[in-house]
């Protein structure tokens, strides 16, 4: 079943214009568990444009039935619930800012590829209210 899903995902990516998909699943092996891992991921996204493009393609391929579902799927792939609990969209209650992270921009871009009709407010609300 999993191999069928991966094959379907590869076909979808190829149709979206992903020229190189053989190492596509190496984009993110597991969710980030620590702030340090997340910072390293954000740094890599800012410095490596090829990696950034692969990340956007991968995250957008996760899909979902609506904006909120897509955002939750993306967020589960990126970080653990424990790490997400240290962040809020605007840094309220003494938490760290999500909005300033490079990964946040990737979430927005990936969601826009999934659903071209979703607006920024809808995506931001989904991030803010997601029960990671």
Protein backbone atom coordinates (compact mmCIF):
# COMPACT_ATOMS: atom_id res chain seq x y z
CA UNK A 1 0.00 0.00 0.00
CA UNK A 2 2.76 2.45 0.94
CA UNK A 3 4.69 1.73 -2.28
CA UNK A 4 1.51 2.40 -4.27
CA UNK A 5 1.06 5.72 -2.48
CA UNK A 6 4.68 6.69 -3.17
CA UNK A 7 4.30 5.78 -6.84
CA UNK A 8 1.14 7.89 -7.07
CA UNK A 9 2.90 10.77 -5.34
CA UNK A 10 5.82 10.51 -7.79
CA UNK A 11 3.42 10.64 -10.76
CA UNK A 12 1.70 13.67 -9.29
CA UNK A 13 5.04 15.40 -8.80
CA UNK A 14 6.13 14.63 -12.33
CA UNK A 15 2.90 16.16 -13.62
CA UNK A 16 3.55 19.27 -11.48
CA UNK A 17 6.88 19.83 -13.21
CA UNK A 18 9.27 18.13 -10.80
CA UNK A 19 12.12 17.17 -13.12
CA UNK A 20 14.16 15.24 -10.57
CA UNK A 21 12.18 13.08 -8.19
CA UNK A 22 14.56 10.19 -7.49
CA UNK A 23 15.90 11.78 -4.31
CA UNK A 24 12.67 13.60 -3.57
CA UNK A 25 11.88 11.62 -0.42
CA UNK A 26 15.24 12.58 1.08
CA UNK A 27 14.04 16.17 1.41
CA UNK A 28 12.98 15.58 5.00
CA UNK A 29 13.57 12.19 6.57
CA UNK A 30 11.76 12.84 9.87
CA UNK A 31 10.13 15.75 11.69
CA UNK A 32 12.41 18.15 13.56
CA UNK A 33 12.63 17.34 17.27
CA UNK A 34 14.56 20.34 18.57
CA UNK A 35 14.90 24.07 18.03
CA UNK A 36 18.44 23.46 16.77
CA UNK A 37 17.23 21.01 14.10
CA UNK A 38 14.56 23.49 13.03
CA UNK A 39 17.07 26.33 12.80
CA UNK A 40 19.37 24.15 10.68
CA UNK A 41 16.45 23.29 8.38
CA UNK A 42 15.51 26.98 8.03
CA UNK A 43 19.13 27.91 7.31
CA UNK A 44 19.35 25.26 4.60
CA UNK A 45 16.11 26.50 3.05
CA UNK A 46 17.47 30.04 2.91
CA UNK A 47 20.83 29.00 1.40
CA UNK A 48 19.95 26.16 -0.99
CA UNK A 49 17.41 27.07 -3.68
CA UNK A 50 17.29 23.55 -5.12
CA UNK A 51 16.46 22.14 -1.70
CA UNK A 52 13.84 24.85 -1.20
CA UNK A 53 12.13 23.93 -4.49
CA UNK A 54 12.15 20.23 -3.60
CA UNK A 55 10.72 21.02 -0.18
CA UNK A 56 7.87 23.05 -1.66
CA UNK A 57 7.08 20.28 -4.15
CA UNK A 58 7.20 17.62 -1.45
CA UNK A 59 5.02 19.55 0.98
CA UNK A 60 2.50 20.45 -1.70
CA UNK A 61 2.26 16.80 -2.73
CA UNK A 62 0.94 15.89 0.73
CA UNK A 63 -2.42 17.39 -0.22
CA UNK A 64 -5.51 17.42 1.94
CA UNK A 65 -9.27 17.72 1.74
CA UNK A 66 -9.24 21.42 2.65
CA UNK A 67 -6.80 24.16 3.71
CA UNK A 68 -6.72 23.10 7.36
CA UNK A 69 -6.14 19.43 6.53
CA UNK A 70 -3.32 20.29 4.13
CA UNK A 71 -1.65 22.56 6.70
CA UNK A 72 -1.86 19.87 9.40
CA UNK A 73 -0.30 17.28 7.08
CA UNK A 74 2.52 19.66 6.21
CA UNK A 75 3.16 20.60 9.82
CA UNK A 76 3.27 16.97 10.96
CA UNK A 77 6.00 16.29 8.39
CA UNK A 78 8.08 19.27 9.49
CA UNK A 79 8.09 19.19 13.29
CA UNK A 80 6.91 17.14 16.23
CA UNK A 81 3.95 18.29 18.31
CA UNK A 82 6.31 18.95 21.19
CA UNK A 83 8.40 21.34 19.11
CA UNK A 84 5.38 23.07 17.56
CA UNK A 85 4.04 23.70 21.08
CA UNK A 86 6.99 26.08 21.64
CA UNK A 87 5.82 28.32 18.78
CA UNK A 88 2.86 30.53 17.98
CA UNK A 89 2.11 32.48 14.83
CA UNK A 90 2.91 35.84 16.40
CA UNK A 91 5.01 34.77 19.40
CA UNK A 92 2.32 35.25 22.01
CA UNK A 93 2.44 33.85 25.56
CA UNK A 94 6.24 33.86 25.57
CA UNK A 95 6.49 31.46 22.64
CA UNK A 96 8.75 31.77 19.61
CA UNK A 97 7.55 33.33 16.34
CA UNK A 98 6.50 30.95 13.56
CA UNK A 99 5.85 33.77 11.12
CA UNK A 100 9.53 34.78 10.98
CA UNK A 101 10.80 31.28 10.13
CA UNK A 102 11.78 30.29 6.59
CA UNK A 103 9.74 27.14 7.10
CA UNK A 104 6.61 29.25 7.52
CA UNK A 105 7.11 30.73 4.07
CA UNK A 106 7.48 27.18 2.73
CA UNK A 107 4.17 26.20 4.33
CA UNK A 108 2.45 29.16 2.63
CA UNK A 109 4.02 28.37 -0.77
CA UNK A 110 3.23 24.65 -0.55
CA UNK A 111 -0.37 25.38 0.43
CA UNK A 112 -0.75 27.78 -2.49
CA UNK A 113 0.42 25.01 -4.84
CA UNK A 114 -2.16 22.64 -3.31
CA UNK A 115 -5.04 25.07 -3.41
CA UNK A 116 -4.65 28.12 -5.59
CA UNK A 117 -7.90 29.54 -4.19
CA UNK A 118 -6.68 29.60 -0.57
CA UNK A 119 -5.84 33.08 0.63
CA UNK A 120 -3.09 34.05 3.08
CA UNK A 121 -5.52 34.75 5.92
CA UNK A 122 -7.04 31.30 5.57
CA UNK A 123 -3.60 29.66 5.64
CA UNK A 124 -2.48 31.77 8.61
CA UNK A 125 -5.67 30.90 10.53
CA UNK A 126 -5.10 27.20 9.81
CA UNK A 127 -1.54 27.42 11.12
CA UNK A 128 -2.66 29.38 14.18
CA UNK A 129 -5.50 27.02 15.09
CA UNK A 130 -3.93 23.68 14.09
CA UNK A 131 -3.98 21.12 16.92
CA UNK A 132 -0.55 19.81 16.02
